[in-house]
Amino acid sequence: MRGIGFLLVVTAHIPAVPWFSYLQGWTAVWVFFAISGYLVTMLLIREERKTGAIAYGAFLTKRFFRIVPAYAAAILIYWIALYSLPPLADEYRLFMARLPYYLTLMPEYAHTDVFTIFVHSWIIGMEAKFYVFFPAIVFLLIKNDSWRFGVTAATTALLTAQGSFTANAYCAILSGVMLAQLLEWPRSFAAIAMLTRVPAAVPMGFVVALFVMLRYVEVLPAVAAVTAYLVAHVTLRDSLMRRLLTYGPLVYLGRRSYGAYLLHVLAIHLGYMAFGSTTVMSGLLTACFTLAVTIPAAELLYRTVERPAMEMARRLTER
């Protein structure tokens, strides 16, 4: 799913191609969030059941080394590119003005008045805060599973009522959290299994209906709900959708999607410099250029930064 999500995100950032808007590529970020919430919660629940408690320090160490080194490398890459390329001089000034936010893992607060070339980094700040606060509150302070789910559901309801984009983004993460919590209870597992015991055409129909609705009105809780259902369907059903999503190239792209996501906006701007940004053809050429540049760059980032960092985290937490 992350591989498809990355491809959709690229389309969202190339407005010169009108057809791309029908794909609602920005919703792919909700997919990233739901998957993250689901996987983190599932692993923490199973660790607690196996050992009696979660290793909070080890968890933070692993998550730090998973997201921060590549994020720091991306900041450096963007700085070098913006400093070196005169056509991006305006972006360089905006980038430097917001650099303190980037360096303190607060990028979601850096773009309240204008979008910049590093605006997509806002999700890193959201994820970082989820990693720090969610396990501490839900697993260290609360010991009863029912209370954990209740607190998560109540928090989701309050954030939905608050209604801001940031609040709804956290709801997307929490939708994945609640899915993982429910799947650990036999009765709710059976209920979700029944709801997902449908052909792949059903969740795809939900996606199409969601995209049509988003053409007219932006209902962010609906995006979170459909995303959670997709994650549940792919997790529980050996359907055509799962077989498509486990296609080799998509699996590979999903494993490199973090670095690709970090670097793709810079590649888009380089494509604009080469092909222009005002026509459909220039947009299509930019999209192809972005994929041709970003995927190898993400592979290099994975080999030189991400994988060594994860290995370092493994060694530190095994001591």
C-alpha atoms as a PDB file:
ATOM      1  CA  MET A   1       0.000   0.000   0.000  1.00  0.00           C
ATOM      2  CA  ARG A   2       2.877   2.368   0.685  1.00  0.00           C
ATOM      3  CA  GLY A   3       4.117   1.933  -2.881  1.00  0.00           C
ATOM      4  CA  ILE A   4       0.761   2.915  -4.350  1.00  0.00           C
ATOM      5  CA  GLY A   5       0.576   5.713  -1.814  1.00  0.00           C
ATOM      6  CA  PHE A   6       3.872   7.195  -2.947  1.00  0.00           C
ATOM      7  CA  LEU A   7       2.773   7.188  -6.586  1.00  0.00           C
ATOM      8  CA  LEU A   8      -0.445   8.968  -5.620  1.00  0.00           C
ATOM      9  CA  VAL A   9       1.431  11.583  -3.591  1.00  0.00           C
ATOM     10  CA  VAL A  10       3.528  12.442  -6.637  1.00  0.00           C
ATOM     11  CA  THR A  11       0.368  13.103  -8.655  1.00  0.00           C
ATOM     12  CA  ALA A  12      -0.951  15.364  -5.901  1.00  0.00           C
ATOM     13  CA  HIS A  13       2.078  17.647  -6.202  1.00  0.00           C
ATOM     14  CA  ILE A  14       1.897  18.117  -9.988  1.00  0.00           C
ATOM     15  CA  PRO A  15      -1.198  20.283 -10.587  1.00  0.00           C
ATOM     16  CA  ALA A  16      -0.284  20.951 -14.221  1.00  0.00           C
ATOM     17  CA  VAL A  17      -1.940  17.643 -15.147  1.00  0.00           C
ATOM     18  CA  PRO A  18      -5.687  18.137 -14.536  1.00  0.00           C
ATOM     19  CA  TRP A  19      -6.412  14.384 -14.609  1.00  0.00           C
ATOM     20  CA  PHE A  20      -4.202  13.863 -11.558  1.00  0.00           C
ATOM     21  CA  SER A  21      -6.682  15.749  -9.401  1.00  0.00           C
ATOM     22  CA  TYR A  22      -9.204  12.926  -9.858  1.00  0.00           C
ATOM     23  CA  LEU A  23      -6.805  10.559  -8.065  1.00  0.00           C
ATOM     24  CA  GLN A  24      -6.970  12.601  -4.844  1.00  0.00           C
ATOM     25  CA  GLY A  25      -3.304  11.805  -4.244  1.00  0.00           C
ATOM     26  CA  TRP A  26      -3.157  13.684  -0.950  1.00  0.00           C
ATOM     27  CA  THR A  27      -5.283  10.942   0.627  1.00  0.00           C
ATOM     28  CA  ALA A  28      -2.258   8.632   0.355  1.00  0.00           C
ATOM     29  CA  VAL A  29      -0.849  10.399   3.414  1.00  0.00           C
ATOM     30  CA  TRP A  30      -3.899   9.116   5.330  1.00  0.00           C
ATOM     31  CA  VAL A  31      -2.931   5.619   4.164  1.00  0.00           C
ATOM     32  CA  PHE A  32       0.592   6.118   5.528  1.00  0.00           C
ATOM     33  CA  PHE A  33      -0.842   7.300   8.839  1.00  0.00           C
ATOM     34  CA  ALA A  34      -3.339   4.444   9.200  1.00  0.00           C
ATOM     35  CA  ILE A  35      -0.706   1.825   8.392  1.00  0.00           C
ATOM     36  CA  SER A  36       1.670   3.395  10.900  1.00  0.00           C
ATOM     37  CA  GLY A  37      -0.945   3.475  13.652  1.00  0.00           C
ATOM     38  CA  TYR A  38      -1.953  -0.110  12.960  1.00  0.00           C
ATOM     39  CA  LEU A  39       1.556  -1.581  12.812  1.00  0.00           C
ATOM     40  CA  VAL A  40       2.902   0.282  15.848  1.00  0.00           C
ATOM     41  CA  THR A  41      -0.085  -0.681  17.995  1.00  0.00           C
ATOM     42  CA  MET A  42      -0.104  -4.304  16.851  1.00  0.00           C
ATOM     43  CA  LEU A  43       3.596  -4.721  17.626  1.00  0.00           C
ATOM     44  CA  LEU A  44       3.267  -3.055  21.028  1.00  0.00           C
ATOM     45  CA  ILE A  45       0.284  -5.207  21.988  1.00  0.00           C
ATOM     46  CA  ARG A  46       2.082  -8.393  21.033  1.00  0.00           C
ATOM     47  CA  GLU A  47       5.273  -7.329  22.786  1.00  0.00           C
ATOM     48  CA  GLU A  48       3.331  -6.621  25.972  1.00  0.00           C
ATOM     49  CA  ARG A  49       1.574  -9.982  25.821  1.00  0.00           C
ATOM     50  CA  LYS A  50       4.858 -11.777  25.267  1.00  0.00           C
ATOM     51  CA  THR A  51       7.026 -10.019  27.848  1.00  0.00           C
ATOM     52  CA  GLY A  52       4.493  -8.424  30.218  1.00  0.00           C
ATOM     53  CA  ALA A  53       5.435  -4.834  29.355  1.00  0.00           C
ATOM     54  CA  ILE A  54       6.598  -2.715  26.447  1.00  0.00           C
ATOM     55  CA  ALA A  55      10.225  -1.617  26.219  1.00  0.00           C
ATOM     56  CA  TYR A  56       9.474   2.065  25.784  1.00  0.00           C
ATOM     57  CA  GLY A  57      13.116   3.144  25.585  1.00  0.00           C
ATOM     58  CA  ALA A  58      13.919   0.515  22.976  1.00  0.00           C
ATOM     59  CA  PHE A  59      10.807   1.494  21.015  1.00  0.00           C
ATOM     60  CA  LEU A  60      11.824   5.165  20.925  1.00  0.00           C
ATOM     61  CA  THR A  61      15.370   4.238  19.951  1.00  0.00           C
ATOM     62  CA  LYS A  62      14.158   2.150  17.011  1.00  0.00           C
ATOM     63  CA  ARG A  63      11.718   4.788  15.832  1.00  0.00           C
ATOM     64  CA  PHE A  64      14.312   7.564  16.189  1.00  0.00           C
ATOM     65  CA  PHE A  65      16.824   5.723  14.047  1.00  0.00           C
ATOM     66  CA  ARG A  66      14.110   4.788  11.569  1.00  0.00           C
ATOM     67  CA  ILE A  67      12.918   8.313  10.788  1.00  0.00           C
ATOM     68  CA  VAL A  68      15.463  10.908  11.966  1.00  0.00           C
ATOM     69  CA  PRO A  69      18.677   9.985  10.091  1.00  0.00           C
ATOM     70  CA  ALA A  70      16.969   9.915   6.686  1.00  0.00           C
ATOM     71  CA  TYR A  71      15.023  13.057   7.580  1.00  0.00           C
ATOM     72  CA  ALA A  72      18.260  14.829   8.557  1.00  0.00           C
ATOM     73  CA  ALA A  73      19.886  13.660   5.328  1.00  0.00           C
ATOM     74  CA  ALA A  74      16.933  15.044   3.376  1.00  0.00           C
ATOM     75  CA  ILE A  75      17.291  18.424   5.094  1.00  0.00           C
ATOM     76  CA  LEU A  76      20.958  18.487   4.069  1.00  0.00           C
ATOM     77  CA  ILE A  77      20.154  17.468   0.485  1.00  0.00           C
ATOM     78  CA  TYR A  78      17.491  20.157   0.162  1.00  0.00           C
ATOM     79  CA  TRP A  79      19.806  22.782   1.656  1.00  0.00           C
ATOM     80  CA  ILE A  80      22.610  21.954  -0.797  1.00  0.00           C
ATOM     81  CA  ALA A  81      20.232  21.940  -3.782  1.00  0.00           C
ATOM     82  CA  LEU A  82      18.497  25.169  -2.833  1.00  0.00           C
ATOM     83  CA  TYR A  83      21.765  26.931  -2.073  1.00  0.00           C
ATOM     84  CA  SER A  84      23.355  25.773  -5.322  1.00  0.00           C
ATOM     85  CA  LEU A  85      20.553  26.391  -7.837  1.00  0.00           C
ATOM     86  CA  PRO A  86      19.770  30.071  -8.586  1.00  0.00           C
ATOM     87  CA  PRO A  87      16.227  29.327  -9.891  1.00  0.00           C
ATOM     88  CA  LEU A  88      15.404  28.087  -6.392  1.00  0.00           C
ATOM     89  CA  ALA A  89      16.735  31.163  -4.573  1.00  0.00           C
ATOM     90  CA  ASP A  90      13.289  32.161  -3.292  1.00  0.00           C
ATOM     91  CA  GLU A  91      12.729  28.678  -1.958  1.00  0.00           C
ATOM     92  CA  TYR A  92      16.133  28.829  -0.261  1.00  0.00           C
ATOM     93  CA  ARG A  93      15.118  31.927   1.703  1.00  0.00           C
ATOM     94  CA  LEU A  94      11.844  30.314   2.768  1.00  0.00           C
ATOM     95  CA  PHE A  95      13.654  27.105   3.683  1.00  0.00           C
ATOM     96  CA  MET A  96      16.235  28.886   5.852  1.00  0.00           C
ATOM     97  CA  ALA A  97      13.537  30.912   7.618  1.00  0.00           C
ATOM     98  CA  ARG A  98      11.843  27.667   8.646  1.00  0.00           C
ATOM     99  CA  LEU A  99      14.962  25.627   9.317  1.00  0.00           C
ATOM    100  CA  PRO A 100      14.597  25.824  13.144  1.00  0.00           C
ATOM    101  CA  TYR A 101      11.222  24.075  12.826  1.00  0.00           C
ATOM    102  CA  TYR A 102      12.724  21.369  10.655  1.00  0.00           C
ATOM    103  CA  LEU A 103      15.666  20.754  12.950  1.00  0.00           C
ATOM    104  CA  THR A 104      13.482  20.444  16.050  1.00  0.00           C
ATOM    105  CA  LEU A 105      11.038  17.970  14.456  1.00  0.00           C
ATOM    106  CA  MET A 106       8.296  20.590  14.367  1.00  0.00           C
ATOM    107  CA  PRO A 107       7.797  20.928  10.590  1.00  0.00           C
ATOM    108  CA  GLU A 108       4.012  20.842  10.856  1.00  0.00           C
ATOM    109  CA  TYR A 109       4.222  24.325  12.413  1.00  0.00           C
ATOM    110  CA  ALA A 110       6.544  25.750   9.750  1.00  0.00           C
ATOM    111  CA  HIS A 111       3.995  26.338   6.990  1.00  0.00           C
ATOM    112  CA  THR A 112       1.078  28.211   8.507  1.00  0.00           C
ATOM    113  CA  ASP A 113       1.236  31.049   5.975  1.00  0.00           C
ATOM    114  CA  VAL A 114       2.874  29.667   2.812  1.00  0.00           C
ATOM    115  CA  PHE A 115       3.716  26.347   1.179  1.00  0.00           C
ATOM    116  CA  THR A 116       7.401  25.716   0.481  1.00  0.00           C
ATOM    117  CA  ILE A 117       9.520  23.040  -1.139  1.00  0.00           C
ATOM    118  CA  PHE A 118       9.788  21.150   2.180  1.00  0.00           C
ATOM    119  CA  VAL A 119       6.139  21.479   3.184  1.00  0.00           C
ATOM    120  CA  HIS A 120       5.567  17.730   2.868  1.00  0.00           C
ATOM    121  CA  SER A 121       7.833  17.159   5.879  1.00  0.00           C
ATOM    122  CA  TRP A 122       4.885  17.983   8.143  1.00  0.00           C
ATOM    123  CA  ILE A 123       4.041  14.299   8.428  1.00  0.00           C
ATOM    124  CA  ILE A 124       7.419  13.624  10.082  1.00  0.00           C
ATOM    125  CA  GLY A 125       6.498  15.910  12.957  1.00  0.00           C
ATOM    126  CA  MET A 126       3.133  14.192  13.333  1.00  0.00           C
ATOM    127  CA  GLU A 127       4.676  10.729  13.375  1.00  0.00           C
ATOM    128  CA  ALA A 128       7.376  11.756  15.856  1.00  0.00           C
ATOM    129  CA  LYS A 129       4.831  13.031  18.361  1.00  0.00           C
ATOM    130  CA  PHE A 130       2.725   9.903  17.937  1.00  0.00           C
ATOM    131  CA  TYR A 131       5.759   7.741  18.703  1.00  0.00           C
ATOM    132  CA  VAL A 132       6.612   9.730  21.838  1.00  0.00           C
ATOM    133  CA  PHE A 133       3.193  10.206  23.406  1.00  0.00           C
ATOM    134  CA  PHE A 134       1.003   7.312  22.274  1.00  0.00           C
ATOM    135  CA  PRO A 135       2.919   4.409  23.890  1.00  0.00           C
ATOM    136  CA  ALA A 136       3.562   6.421  27.044  1.00  0.00           C
ATOM    137  CA  ILE A 137      -0.104   7.259  27.560  1.00  0.00           C
ATOM    138  CA  VAL A 138      -1.849   4.164  26.232  1.00  0.00           C
ATOM    139  CA  PHE A 139       0.585   1.430  27.280  1.00  0.00           C
ATOM    140  CA  LEU A 140       2.465   2.822  30.280  1.00  0.00           C
ATOM    141  CA  LEU A 141      -0.297   4.747  32.049  1.00  0.00           C
ATOM    142  CA  ILE A 142      -3.298   2.571  31.127  1.00  0.00           C
ATOM    143  CA  LYS A 143      -3.240  -1.171  31.745  1.00  0.00           C
ATOM    144  CA  ASN A 144      -6.796  -2.200  30.881  1.00  0.00           C
ATOM    145  CA  ASP A 145      -7.447  -2.984  27.194  1.00  0.00           C
ATOM    146  CA  SER A 146     -11.014  -1.666  27.310  1.00  0.00           C
ATOM    147  CA  TRP A 147      -9.868   1.607  28.832  1.00  0.00           C
ATOM    148  CA  ARG A 148      -7.150   1.867  26.217  1.00  0.00           C
ATOM    149  CA  PHE A 149      -9.650   1.540  23.428  1.00  0.00           C
ATOM    150  CA  GLY A 150     -12.032   3.934  25.155  1.00  0.00           C
ATOM    151  CA  VAL A 151      -9.364   6.594  25.554  1.00  0.00           C
ATOM    152  CA  THR A 152      -8.303   6.170  21.927  1.00  0.00           C
ATOM    153  CA  ALA A 153     -11.890   6.395  20.689  1.00  0.00           C
ATOM    154  CA  ALA A 154     -12.645   9.412  22.867  1.00  0.00           C
ATOM    155  CA  THR A 155      -9.512  11.177  21.673  1.00  0.00           C
ATOM    156  CA  THR A 156     -10.473  10.454  18.068  1.00  0.00           C
ATOM    157  CA  ALA A 157     -13.957  11.868  18.670  1.00  0.00           C
ATOM    158  CA  LEU A 158     -12.562  15.035  20.263  1.00  0.00           C
ATOM    159  CA  LEU A 159     -10.084  15.567  17.430  1.00  0.00           C
ATOM    160  CA  THR A 160     -12.827  15.015  14.865  1.00  0.00           C
ATOM    161  CA  ALA A 161     -14.989  17.590  16.617  1.00  0.00           C
ATOM    162  CA  GLN A 162     -12.079  20.025  16.677  1.00  0.00           C
ATOM    163  CA  GLY A 163     -12.011  19.637  12.916  1.00  0.00           C
ATOM    164  CA  SER A 164      -8.653  21.088  11.886  1.00  0.00           C
ATOM    165  CA  PHE A 165      -6.521  19.436   9.234  1.00  0.00           C
ATOM    166  CA  THR A 166      -3.896  18.506  11.840  1.00  0.00           C
ATOM    167  CA  ALA A 167      -6.526  17.047  14.163  1.00  0.00           C
ATOM    168  CA  ASN A 168      -7.942  14.941  11.353  1.00  0.00           C
ATOM    169  CA  ALA A 169      -4.464  13.733  10.431  1.00  0.00           C
ATOM    170  CA  TYR A 170      -4.058  12.421  13.971  1.00  0.00           C
ATOM    171  CA  CYS A 171      -7.463  10.767  13.576  1.00  0.00           C
ATOM    172  CA  ALA A 172      -6.088   8.876  10.586  1.00  0.00           C
ATOM    173  CA  ILE A 173      -3.289   7.520  12.776  1.00  0.00           C
ATOM    174  CA  LEU A 174      -5.744   6.655  15.533  1.00  0.00           C
ATOM    175  CA  SER A 175      -8.018   4.844  13.072  1.00  0.00           C
ATOM    176  CA  GLY A 176      -5.152   2.432  12.517  1.00  0.00           C
ATOM    177  CA  VAL A 177      -4.589   2.232  16.277  1.00  0.00           C
ATOM    178  CA  MET A 178      -8.223   1.293  16.935  1.00  0.00           C
ATOM    179  CA  LEU A 179      -8.169  -1.276  14.148  1.00  0.00           C
ATOM    180  CA  ALA A 180      -5.198  -3.008  15.778  1.00  0.00           C
ATOM    181  CA  GLN A 181      -6.884  -2.874  19.177  1.00  0.00           C
ATOM    182  CA  LEU A 182     -10.124  -4.360  17.846  1.00  0.00           C
ATOM    183  CA  LEU A 183      -8.368  -7.130  15.947  1.00  0.00           C
ATOM    184  CA  GLU A 184      -6.835  -8.381  19.199  1.00  0.00           C
ATOM    185  CA  TRP A 185     -10.294  -9.104  20.679  1.00  0.00           C
ATOM    186  CA  PRO A 186     -11.982 -12.285  19.410  1.00  0.00           C
ATOM    187  CA  ARG A 187     -15.475 -10.824  19.060  1.00  0.00           C
ATOM    188  CA  SER A 188     -14.440  -7.647  17.301  1.00  0.00           C
ATOM    189  CA  PHE A 189     -11.995  -9.627  15.159  1.00  0.00           C
ATOM    190  CA  ALA A 190     -14.885 -11.846  14.049  1.00  0.00           C
ATOM    191  CA  ALA A 191     -17.031  -8.787  13.290  1.00  0.00           C
ATOM    192  CA  ILE A 192     -14.312  -7.091  11.234  1.00  0.00           C
ATOM    193  CA  ALA A 193     -13.562 -10.371   9.462  1.00  0.00           C
ATOM    194  CA  MET A 194     -17.230 -10.611   8.483  1.00  0.00           C
ATOM    195  CA  LEU A 195     -17.301  -7.011   7.238  1.00  0.00           C
ATOM    196  CA  THR A 196     -14.220  -7.586   5.100  1.00  0.00           C
ATOM    197  CA  ARG A 197     -15.415 -10.942   3.713  1.00  0.00           C
ATOM    198  CA  VAL A 198     -16.292  -9.293   0.414  1.00  0.00           C
ATOM    199  CA  PRO A 199     -14.791  -9.194  -3.097  1.00  0.00           C
ATOM    200  CA  ALA A 200     -12.048  -6.679  -3.774  1.00  0.00           C
ATOM    201  CA  ALA A 201     -14.579  -4.701  -5.816  1.00  0.00           C
ATOM    202  CA  VAL A 202     -16.271  -3.578  -2.593  1.00  0.00           C
ATOM    203  CA  PRO A 203     -13.320  -1.703  -1.017  1.00  0.00           C
ATOM    204  CA  MET A 204     -12.414  -0.384  -4.450  1.00  0.00           C
ATOM    205  CA  GLY A 205     -15.985   0.860  -4.745  1.00  0.00           C
ATOM    206  CA  PHE A 206     -15.554   2.669  -1.425  1.00  0.00           C
ATOM    207  CA  VAL A 207     -12.401   4.297  -2.773  1.00  0.00           C
ATOM    208  CA  VAL A 208     -14.121   5.441  -5.971  1.00  0.00           C
ATOM    209  CA  ALA A 209     -17.101   6.788  -4.009  1.00  0.00           C
ATOM    210  CA  LEU A 210     -14.713   8.605  -1.650  1.00  0.00           C
ATOM    211  CA  PHE A 211     -12.814  10.189  -4.529  1.00  0.00           C
ATOM    212  CA  VAL A 212     -16.046  11.341  -6.159  1.00  0.00           C
ATOM    213  CA  MET A 213     -17.255  12.845  -2.884  1.00  0.00           C
ATOM    214  CA  LEU A 214     -13.925  14.637  -2.367  1.00  0.00           C
ATOM    215  CA  ARG A 215     -14.395  16.389  -5.696  1.00  0.00           C
ATOM    216  CA  TYR A 216     -17.248  18.309  -4.077  1.00  0.00           C
ATOM    217  CA  VAL A 217     -16.699  18.279  -0.327  1.00  0.00           C
ATOM    218  CA  GLU A 218     -13.727  17.470   1.893  1.00  0.00           C
ATOM    219  CA  VAL A 219     -14.885  15.098   4.630  1.00  0.00           C
ATOM    220  CA  LEU A 220     -11.649  14.050   6.308  1.00  0.00           C
ATOM    221  CA  PRO A 221     -13.189  11.558   8.793  1.00  0.00           C
ATOM    222  CA  ALA A 222     -14.540   9.647   5.784  1.00  0.00           C
ATOM    223  CA  VAL A 223     -11.002   9.424   4.406  1.00  0.00           C
ATOM    224  CA  ALA A 224      -9.811   7.949   7.705  1.00  0.00           C
ATOM    225  CA  ALA A 225     -12.686   5.461   7.810  1.00  0.00           C
ATOM    226  CA  VAL A 226     -12.180   4.204   4.257  1.00  0.00           C
ATOM    227  CA  THR A 227      -8.427   3.984   4.814  1.00  0.00           C
ATOM    228  CA  ALA A 228      -8.892   1.880   7.954  1.00  0.00           C
ATOM    229  CA  TYR A 229     -11.274  -0.420   6.075  1.00  0.00           C
ATOM    230  CA  LEU A 230      -8.719  -0.867   3.281  1.00  0.00           C
ATOM    231  CA  VAL A 231      -6.021  -1.769   5.799  1.00  0.00           C
ATOM    232  CA  ALA A 232      -8.378  -4.282   7.448  1.00  0.00           C
ATOM    233  CA  HIS A 233      -9.357  -5.826   4.108  1.00  0.00           C
ATOM    234  CA  VAL A 234      -5.771  -6.215   2.925  1.00  0.00           C
ATOM    235  CA  THR A 235      -4.719  -7.582   6.331  1.00  0.00           C
ATOM    236  CA  LEU A 236      -7.473 -10.177   6.673  1.00  0.00           C
ATOM    237  CA  ARG A 237      -8.340 -11.208   3.122  1.00  0.00           C
ATOM    238  CA  ASP A 238      -6.260 -13.032   0.528  1.00  0.00           C
ATOM    239  CA  SER A 239      -8.024 -11.137  -2.221  1.00  0.00           C
ATOM    240  CA  LEU A 240      -7.127  -9.782  -5.617  1.00  0.00           C
ATOM    241  CA  MET A 241      -6.330  -6.470  -3.937  1.00  0.00           C
ATOM    242  CA  ARG A 242      -3.741  -8.065  -1.661  1.00  0.00           C
ATOM    243  CA  ARG A 243      -2.178  -9.939  -4.586  1.00  0.00           C
ATOM    244  CA  LEU A 244      -1.907  -6.707  -6.552  1.00  0.00           C
ATOM    245  CA  LEU A 245      -0.394  -4.855  -3.604  1.00  0.00           C
ATOM    246  CA  THR A 246       2.160  -7.620  -3.043  1.00  0.00           C
ATOM    247  CA  TYR A 247       3.356  -7.382  -6.649  1.00  0.00           C
ATOM    248  CA  GLY A 248       7.144  -7.276  -6.515  1.00  0.00           C
ATOM    249  CA  PRO A 249       7.833  -3.748  -7.841  1.00  0.00           C
ATOM    250  CA  LEU A 250       5.158  -2.261  -5.569  1.00  0.00           C
ATOM    251  CA  VAL A 251       6.601  -4.085  -2.549  1.00  0.00           C
ATOM    252  CA  TYR A 252      10.044  -2.743  -3.422  1.00  0.00           C
ATOM    253  CA  LEU A 253       8.722   0.788  -3.842  1.00  0.00           C
ATOM    254  CA  GLY A 254       6.858   0.520  -0.544  1.00  0.00           C
ATOM    255  CA  ARG A 255      10.068  -0.415   1.262  1.00  0.00           C
ATOM    256  CA  ARG A 256      11.792   2.624  -0.229  1.00  0.00           C
ATOM    257  CA  SER A 257       8.771   4.900   0.084  1.00  0.00           C
ATOM    258  CA  TYR A 258      10.052   6.881   3.087  1.00  0.00           C
ATOM    259  CA  GLY A 259      13.142   8.141   1.311  1.00  0.00           C
ATOM    260  CA  ALA A 260      11.215   8.568  -1.916  1.00  0.00           C
ATOM    261  CA  TYR A 261       8.603  10.646  -0.116  1.00  0.00           C
ATOM    262  CA  LEU A 262      11.236  12.868   1.458  1.00  0.00           C
ATOM    263  CA  LEU A 263      12.994  13.557  -1.857  1.00  0.00           C
ATOM    264  CA  HIS A 264      10.186  13.685  -4.394  1.00  0.00           C
ATOM    265  CA  VAL A 265       9.252  17.377  -4.079  1.00  0.00           C
ATOM    266  CA  LEU A 266      12.813  18.429  -4.818  1.00  0.00           C
ATOM    267  CA  ALA A 267      12.751  16.160  -7.879  1.00  0.00           C
ATOM    268  CA  ILE A 268       9.489  17.781  -8.996  1.00  0.00           C
ATOM    269  CA  HIS A 269      11.061  21.236  -8.804  1.00  0.00           C
ATOM    270  CA  LEU A 270      14.050  20.019 -10.806  1.00  0.00           C
ATOM    271  CA  GLY A 271      11.577  18.666 -13.358  1.00  0.00           C
ATOM    272  CA  TYR A 272       9.859  22.043 -13.499  1.00  0.00           C
ATOM    273  CA  MET A 273      13.232  23.662 -14.181  1.00  0.00           C
ATOM    274  CA  ALA A 274      13.830  21.244 -17.058  1.00  0.00           C
ATOM    275  CA  PHE A 275      10.371  21.001 -18.627  1.00  0.00           C
ATOM    276  CA  GLY A 276       8.310  23.910 -17.291  1.00  0.00           C
ATOM    277  CA  SER A 277       5.258  23.715 -15.062  1.00  0.00           C
ATOM    278  CA  THR A 278       2.335  25.192 -16.967  1.00  0.00           C
ATOM    279  CA  THR A 279       1.275  22.608 -19.545  1.00  0.00           C
ATOM    280  CA  VAL A 280      -0.050  19.069 -19.362  1.00  0.00           C
ATOM    281  CA  MET A 281       2.965  17.770 -21.285  1.00  0.00           C
ATOM    282  CA  SER A 282       5.412  19.503 -18.949  1.00  0.00           C
ATOM    283  CA  GLY A 283       3.537  18.005 -15.994  1.00  0.00           C
ATOM    284  CA  LEU A 284       3.674  14.496 -17.448  1.00  0.00           C
ATOM    285  CA  LEU A 285       7.367  14.843 -18.243  1.00  0.00           C
ATOM    286  CA  THR A 286       7.968  16.123 -14.727  1.00  0.00           C
ATOM    287  CA  ALA A 287       6.110  13.138 -13.266  1.00  0.00           C
ATOM    288  CA  CYS A 288       8.235  10.702 -15.266  1.00  0.00           C
ATOM    289  CA  PHE A 289      11.391  12.606 -14.375  1.00  0.00           C
ATOM    290  CA  THR A 290      10.425  12.583 -10.694  1.00  0.00           C
ATOM    291  CA  LEU A 291      10.034   8.804 -10.632  1.00  0.00           C
ATOM    292  CA  ALA A 292      13.217   8.270 -12.646  1.00  0.00           C
ATOM    293  CA  VAL A 293      15.224  10.405 -10.220  1.00  0.00           C
ATOM    294  CA  THR A 294      13.501   9.747  -6.907  1.00  0.00           C
ATOM    295  CA  ILE A 295      13.456   5.937  -6.898  1.00  0.00           C
ATOM    296  CA  PRO A 296      17.231   5.507  -7.457  1.00  0.00           C
ATOM    297  CA  ALA A 297      17.880   8.340  -4.989  1.00  0.00           C
ATOM    298  CA  ALA A 298      15.660   6.605  -2.424  1.00  0.00           C
ATOM    299  CA  GLU A 299      17.572   3.364  -2.976  1.00  0.00           C
ATOM    300  CA  LEU A 300      20.841   5.195  -2.353  1.00  0.00           C
ATOM    301  CA  LEU A 301      19.401   6.840   0.750  1.00  0.00           C
ATOM    302  CA  TYR A 302      18.200   3.465   2.007  1.00  0.00           C
ATOM    303  CA  ARG A 303      21.576   1.804   1.524  1.00  0.00           C
ATOM    304  CA  THR A 304      23.694   4.620   2.928  1.00  0.00           C
ATOM    305  CA  VAL A 305      21.478   6.041   5.691  1.00  0.00           C
ATOM    306  CA  GLU A 306      18.282   4.155   6.482  1.00  0.00           C
ATOM    307  CA  ARG A 307      19.579   0.587   6.624  1.00  0.00           C
ATOM    308  CA  PRO A 308      22.754   1.436   8.613  1.00  0.00           C
ATOM    309  CA  ALA A 309      20.642   3.486  11.029  1.00  0.00           C
ATOM    310  CA  MET A 310      18.209   0.610  11.579  1.00  0.00           C
ATOM    311  CA  GLU A 311      21.142  -1.741  12.143  1.00  0.00           C
ATOM    312  CA  MET A 312      22.547   0.701  14.692  1.00  0.00           C
ATOM    313  CA  ALA A 313      19.202   0.761  16.493  1.00  0.00           C
ATOM    314  CA  ARG A 314      19.122  -3.031  16.536  1.00  0.00           C
ATOM    315  CA  ARG A 315      22.564  -3.204  18.123  1.00  0.00           C
ATOM    316  CA  LEU A 316      21.723  -0.567  20.712  1.00  0.00           C
ATOM    317  CA  THR A 317      18.474  -2.230  21.779  1.00  0.00           C
ATOM    318  CA  GLU A 318      19.959  -5.709  21.978  1.00  0.00           C
ATOM    319  CA  ARG A 319      22.550  -4.749  24.575  1.00  0.00           C
END
